[in-house]
Amino acid sequence: MSDLYTISFPGTDYPPITLQPHQNLSEHLTIQNSPVLFGCRTGICGTCLVEVIGDIPAAKVDEQEVLDTLAPDRPNARLACQLDLTANVEICQLDR
């Protein structure tokens, strides 16, 4: 098991960032280092809706309710502010 995980942003000019496991992405991603925008940071506004490619835990009930509304047929859709970082992942902004 690695002590650090890499978050990359394919299709953008943003360089990958490296974080420790279970860190909250919304505390580390900014407009300067990622294409992901954040609003409430609590998982209710949907501003940080992204597609995640990688092995991460399933969404919790509250997040899943928001995802069912905003991206009902997108199985890789997640709210970046709610991700539990447990692996290297690729994150792409999701069009609504």
N, C-alpha and C. Protein backbone atom coordinates (compact mmCIF):
# COMPACT_ATOMS: atom_id res chain seq x y z
N MET A 1 0.84 -1.18 0.00
CA MET A 1 0.00 0.00 0.00
C MET A 1 0.89 1.24 0.00
N SER A 2 0.55 2.17 -0.88
CA SER A 2 1.33 3.38 -1.02
C SER A 2 0.96 4.40 0.05
N ASP A 3 1.93 5.23 0.41
CA ASP A 3 1.66 6.31 1.35
C ASP A 3 1.12 7.54 0.65
N LEU A 4 1.20 7.58 -0.69
CA LEU A 4 0.74 8.72 -1.46
C LEU A 4 -0.05 8.25 -2.68
N TYR A 5 -1.06 9.03 -3.06
CA TYR A 5 -1.83 8.73 -4.26
C TYR A 5 -1.78 9.93 -5.19
N THR A 6 -1.84 9.64 -6.49
CA THR A 6 -1.77 10.68 -7.50
C THR A 6 -3.15 10.93 -8.08
N ILE A 7 -3.50 12.20 -8.18
CA ILE A 7 -4.74 12.63 -8.82
C ILE A 7 -4.33 13.33 -10.10
N SER A 8 -4.77 12.81 -11.24
CA SER A 8 -4.42 13.43 -12.51
C SER A 8 -5.68 13.92 -13.21
N PHE A 9 -5.48 14.85 -14.13
CA PHE A 9 -6.58 15.53 -14.82
C PHE A 9 -6.39 15.40 -16.33
N PRO A 10 -6.69 14.22 -16.90
CA PRO A 10 -6.45 13.99 -18.32
C PRO A 10 -7.21 14.99 -19.19
N GLY A 11 -6.59 15.36 -20.31
CA GLY A 11 -7.23 16.29 -21.23
C GLY A 11 -7.09 17.74 -20.82
N THR A 12 -6.30 18.02 -19.77
CA THR A 12 -6.08 19.39 -19.32
C THR A 12 -4.58 19.66 -19.24
N ASP A 13 -4.25 20.90 -18.99
CA ASP A 13 -2.84 21.28 -18.79
C ASP A 13 -2.45 21.24 -17.31
N TYR A 14 -3.38 20.82 -16.44
CA TYR A 14 -3.09 20.79 -15.01
C TYR A 14 -2.18 19.60 -14.68
N PRO A 15 -1.12 19.82 -13.94
CA PRO A 15 -0.24 18.70 -13.58
C PRO A 15 -0.89 17.84 -12.50
N PRO A 16 -0.51 16.57 -12.42
CA PRO A 16 -1.03 15.72 -11.34
C PRO A 16 -0.63 16.27 -9.98
N ILE A 17 -1.43 15.99 -8.97
CA ILE A 17 -1.07 16.31 -7.60
C ILE A 17 -1.01 15.03 -6.79
N THR A 18 -0.30 15.05 -5.70
CA THR A 18 -0.12 13.87 -4.87
C THR A 18 -0.63 14.18 -3.47
N LEU A 19 -1.43 13.28 -2.93
CA LEU A 19 -1.99 13.44 -1.59
C LEU A 19 -1.87 12.14 -0.81
N GLN A 20 -1.97 12.26 0.50
CA GLN A 20 -1.99 11.08 1.36
C GLN A 20 -3.37 10.43 1.30
N PRO A 21 -3.46 9.14 1.63
CA PRO A 21 -4.75 8.46 1.64
C PRO A 21 -5.77 9.16 2.53
N HIS A 22 -7.01 9.13 2.10
CA HIS A 22 -8.17 9.62 2.84
C HIS A 22 -8.20 11.14 3.02
N GLN A 23 -7.33 11.87 2.31
CA GLN A 23 -7.39 13.32 2.40
C GLN A 23 -8.60 13.83 1.63
N ASN A 24 -9.16 14.94 2.09
CA ASN A 24 -10.32 15.55 1.46
C ASN A 24 -9.85 16.38 0.27
N LEU A 25 -10.28 16.00 -0.92
CA LEU A 25 -9.83 16.70 -2.12
C LEU A 25 -10.21 18.17 -2.10
N SER A 26 -11.38 18.50 -1.58
CA SER A 26 -11.81 19.90 -1.62
C SER A 26 -10.89 20.81 -0.81
N GLU A 27 -10.13 20.25 0.10
CA GLU A 27 -9.19 21.06 0.87
C GLU A 27 -7.87 21.26 0.13
N HIS A 28 -7.65 20.51 -0.95
CA HIS A 28 -6.37 20.55 -1.64
C HIS A 28 -6.44 20.96 -3.10
N LEU A 29 -7.62 20.87 -3.70
CA LEU A 29 -7.77 21.28 -5.09
C LEU A 29 -8.21 22.73 -5.14
N THR A 30 -7.49 23.52 -5.92
CA THR A 30 -7.83 24.93 -6.09
C THR A 30 -7.90 25.25 -7.58
N ILE A 31 -8.36 26.41 -7.91
CA ILE A 31 -8.44 26.83 -9.31
C ILE A 31 -7.04 26.87 -9.94
N GLN A 32 -6.00 27.01 -9.11
CA GLN A 32 -4.63 27.03 -9.64
C GLN A 32 -4.10 25.64 -9.96
N ASN A 33 -4.60 24.60 -9.27
CA ASN A 33 -4.00 23.28 -9.50
C ASN A 33 -4.98 22.22 -10.01
N SER A 34 -6.21 22.62 -10.37
CA SER A 34 -7.13 21.63 -10.93
C SER A 34 -8.27 22.33 -11.68
N PRO A 35 -8.91 21.61 -12.59
CA PRO A 35 -10.06 22.16 -13.29
C PRO A 35 -11.37 22.02 -12.50
N VAL A 36 -11.32 21.43 -11.33
CA VAL A 36 -12.52 21.16 -10.54
C VAL A 36 -12.92 22.42 -9.76
N LEU A 37 -14.17 22.82 -9.91
CA LEU A 37 -14.70 23.95 -9.16
C LEU A 37 -15.45 23.42 -7.94
N PHE A 38 -15.44 24.20 -6.88
CA PHE A 38 -16.14 23.81 -5.66
C PHE A 38 -17.10 24.91 -5.25
N GLY A 39 -18.23 24.52 -4.69
CA GLY A 39 -19.20 25.47 -4.16
C GLY A 39 -19.31 25.26 -2.66
N CYS A 40 -20.31 24.50 -2.26
CA CYS A 40 -20.61 24.34 -0.83
C CYS A 40 -19.56 23.49 -0.09
N ARG A 41 -18.92 22.56 -0.78
CA ARG A 41 -17.95 21.62 -0.21
C ARG A 41 -18.56 20.64 0.80
N THR A 42 -19.88 20.54 0.79
CA THR A 42 -20.54 19.60 1.70
C THR A 42 -21.31 18.51 0.96
N GLY A 43 -21.28 18.53 -0.36
CA GLY A 43 -21.93 17.48 -1.13
C GLY A 43 -23.38 17.71 -1.47
N ILE A 44 -23.84 18.95 -1.40
CA ILE A 44 -25.25 19.18 -1.73
C ILE A 44 -25.47 20.07 -2.96
N CYS A 45 -24.45 20.83 -3.39
CA CYS A 45 -24.69 21.77 -4.49
C CYS A 45 -24.40 21.17 -5.86
N GLY A 46 -23.51 20.19 -5.95
CA GLY A 46 -23.17 19.56 -7.22
C GLY A 46 -22.17 20.32 -8.07
N THR A 47 -21.62 21.41 -7.57
CA THR A 47 -20.64 22.18 -8.34
C THR A 47 -19.44 21.35 -8.72
N CYS A 48 -19.01 20.46 -7.84
CA CYS A 48 -17.78 19.67 -8.06
C CYS A 48 -18.06 18.31 -8.70
N LEU A 49 -19.13 18.20 -9.45
CA LEU A 49 -19.47 16.95 -10.13
C LEU A 49 -18.37 16.59 -11.13
N VAL A 50 -17.82 15.41 -10.99
CA VAL A 50 -16.72 14.95 -11.83
C VAL A 50 -16.93 13.50 -12.21
N GLU A 51 -16.16 13.06 -13.20
CA GLU A 51 -16.07 11.64 -13.52
C GLU A 51 -14.75 11.16 -12.94
N VAL A 52 -14.80 10.06 -12.20
CA VAL A 52 -13.60 9.52 -11.57
C VAL A 52 -13.29 8.17 -12.18
N ILE A 53 -12.04 8.02 -12.61
CA ILE A 53 -11.56 6.75 -13.12
C ILE A 53 -10.51 6.26 -12.14
N GLY A 54 -10.82 5.16 -11.48
CA GLY A 54 -9.93 4.61 -10.47
C GLY A 54 -10.74 3.88 -9.42
N ASP A 55 -10.06 3.22 -8.53
CA ASP A 55 -10.70 2.41 -7.50
C ASP A 55 -10.93 3.24 -6.25
N ILE A 56 -12.17 3.65 -6.04
CA ILE A 56 -12.53 4.43 -4.86
C ILE A 56 -13.76 3.80 -4.21
N PRO A 57 -13.96 4.07 -2.92
CA PRO A 57 -15.15 3.52 -2.26
C PRO A 57 -16.44 4.06 -2.88
N ALA A 58 -17.49 3.30 -2.74
CA ALA A 58 -18.79 3.71 -3.25
C ALA A 58 -19.26 4.98 -2.54
N ALA A 59 -20.13 5.71 -3.22
CA ALA A 59 -20.70 6.93 -2.65
C ALA A 59 -21.56 6.59 -1.43
N LYS A 60 -21.51 7.46 -0.43
CA LYS A 60 -22.39 7.31 0.72
C LYS A 60 -23.80 7.74 0.32
N VAL A 61 -24.78 7.43 1.13
CA VAL A 61 -26.19 7.63 0.79
C VAL A 61 -26.48 9.08 0.40
N ASP A 62 -26.02 10.06 1.17
CA ASP A 62 -26.30 11.46 0.87
C ASP A 62 -25.71 11.88 -0.47
N GLU A 63 -24.47 11.46 -0.73
CA GLU A 63 -23.86 11.79 -2.02
C GLU A 63 -24.61 11.09 -3.14
N GLN A 64 -24.98 9.83 -2.96
CA GLN A 64 -25.66 9.09 -4.00
C GLN A 64 -26.99 9.74 -4.37
N GLU A 65 -27.69 10.31 -3.40
CA GLU A 65 -28.95 11.01 -3.70
C GLU A 65 -28.70 12.19 -4.65
N VAL A 66 -27.65 12.94 -4.41
CA VAL A 66 -27.31 14.06 -5.29
C VAL A 66 -26.91 13.54 -6.67
N LEU A 67 -26.11 12.48 -6.71
CA LEU A 67 -25.69 11.90 -7.98
C LEU A 67 -26.87 11.36 -8.77
N ASP A 68 -27.84 10.77 -8.10
CA ASP A 68 -29.02 10.24 -8.78
C ASP A 68 -29.80 11.35 -9.48
N THR A 69 -29.74 12.56 -8.93
CA THR A 69 -30.42 13.71 -9.53
C THR A 69 -29.60 14.34 -10.64
N LEU A 70 -28.31 14.56 -10.40
CA LEU A 70 -27.46 15.30 -11.34
C LEU A 70 -26.87 14.46 -12.46
N ALA A 71 -26.61 13.20 -12.21
CA ALA A 71 -25.97 12.33 -13.21
C ALA A 71 -26.51 10.91 -13.09
N PRO A 72 -27.81 10.74 -13.34
CA PRO A 72 -28.44 9.45 -13.05
C PRO A 72 -27.88 8.26 -13.82
N ASP A 73 -27.38 8.46 -15.02
CA ASP A 73 -26.89 7.34 -15.82
C ASP A 73 -25.38 7.40 -16.02
N ARG A 74 -24.68 7.98 -15.06
CA ARG A 74 -23.22 8.11 -15.14
C ARG A 74 -22.59 7.38 -13.96
N PRO A 75 -22.25 6.10 -14.09
CA PRO A 75 -21.76 5.32 -12.96
C PRO A 75 -20.45 5.80 -12.36
N ASN A 76 -19.65 6.54 -13.14
CA ASN A 76 -18.37 7.04 -12.61
C ASN A 76 -18.49 8.47 -12.08
N ALA A 77 -19.70 9.00 -12.06
CA ALA A 77 -19.90 10.35 -11.55
C ALA A 77 -19.73 10.36 -10.03
N ARG A 78 -19.07 11.39 -9.56
CA ARG A 78 -18.89 11.57 -8.12
C ARG A 78 -18.81 13.06 -7.81
N LEU A 79 -18.98 13.39 -6.55
CA LEU A 79 -18.76 14.74 -6.07
C LEU A 79 -17.34 14.78 -5.52
N ALA A 80 -16.48 15.59 -6.12
CA ALA A 80 -15.07 15.60 -5.73
C ALA A 80 -14.90 15.92 -4.25
N CYS A 81 -15.78 16.73 -3.69
CA CYS A 81 -15.64 17.10 -2.28
C CYS A 81 -15.92 15.95 -1.33
N GLN A 82 -16.52 14.88 -1.85
CA GLN A 82 -16.89 13.75 -1.00
C GLN A 82 -16.01 12.52 -1.21
N LEU A 83 -15.04 12.60 -2.10
CA LEU A 83 -14.21 11.43 -2.40
C LEU A 83 -13.32 11.04 -1.23
N ASP A 84 -13.27 9.75 -0.97
CA ASP A 84 -12.32 9.19 0.00
C ASP A 84 -11.19 8.62 -0.83
N LEU A 85 -10.07 9.29 -0.81
CA LEU A 85 -8.96 8.93 -1.68
C LEU A 85 -8.27 7.67 -1.17
N THR A 86 -8.42 6.58 -1.95
CA THR A 86 -7.83 5.30 -1.56
C THR A 86 -7.01 4.67 -2.67
N ALA A 87 -6.81 5.42 -3.76
CA ALA A 87 -6.04 4.90 -4.90
C ALA A 87 -5.68 6.06 -5.82
N ASN A 88 -4.81 5.79 -6.77
CA ASN A 88 -4.56 6.78 -7.82
C ASN A 88 -5.83 6.93 -8.64
N VAL A 89 -6.18 8.16 -8.99
CA VAL A 89 -7.40 8.38 -9.77
C VAL A 89 -7.16 9.43 -10.85
N GLU A 90 -8.00 9.36 -11.87
CA GLU A 90 -8.09 10.40 -12.88
C GLU A 90 -9.42 11.08 -12.68
N ILE A 91 -9.43 12.40 -12.76
CA ILE A 91 -10.64 13.18 -12.55
C ILE A 91 -10.87 14.07 -13.77
N CYS A 92 -12.08 14.00 -14.32
CA CYS A 92 -12.48 14.84 -15.44
C CYS A 92 -13.74 15.60 -15.04
N GLN A 93 -13.79 16.88 -15.43
CA GLN A 93 -14.99 17.67 -15.18
C GLN A 93 -16.14 17.02 -15.94
N LEU A 94 -17.30 16.93 -15.33
CA LEU A 94 -18.46 16.27 -15.95
C LEU A 94 -19.44 17.34 -16.39
N ASP A 95 -19.81 17.30 -17.67
CA ASP A 95 -20.79 18.26 -18.18
C ASP A 95 -22.18 17.85 -17.72
N ARG A 96 -22.95 18.85 -17.30
CA ARG A 96 -24.32 18.55 -16.87
C ARG A 96 -25.31 18.92 -17.92
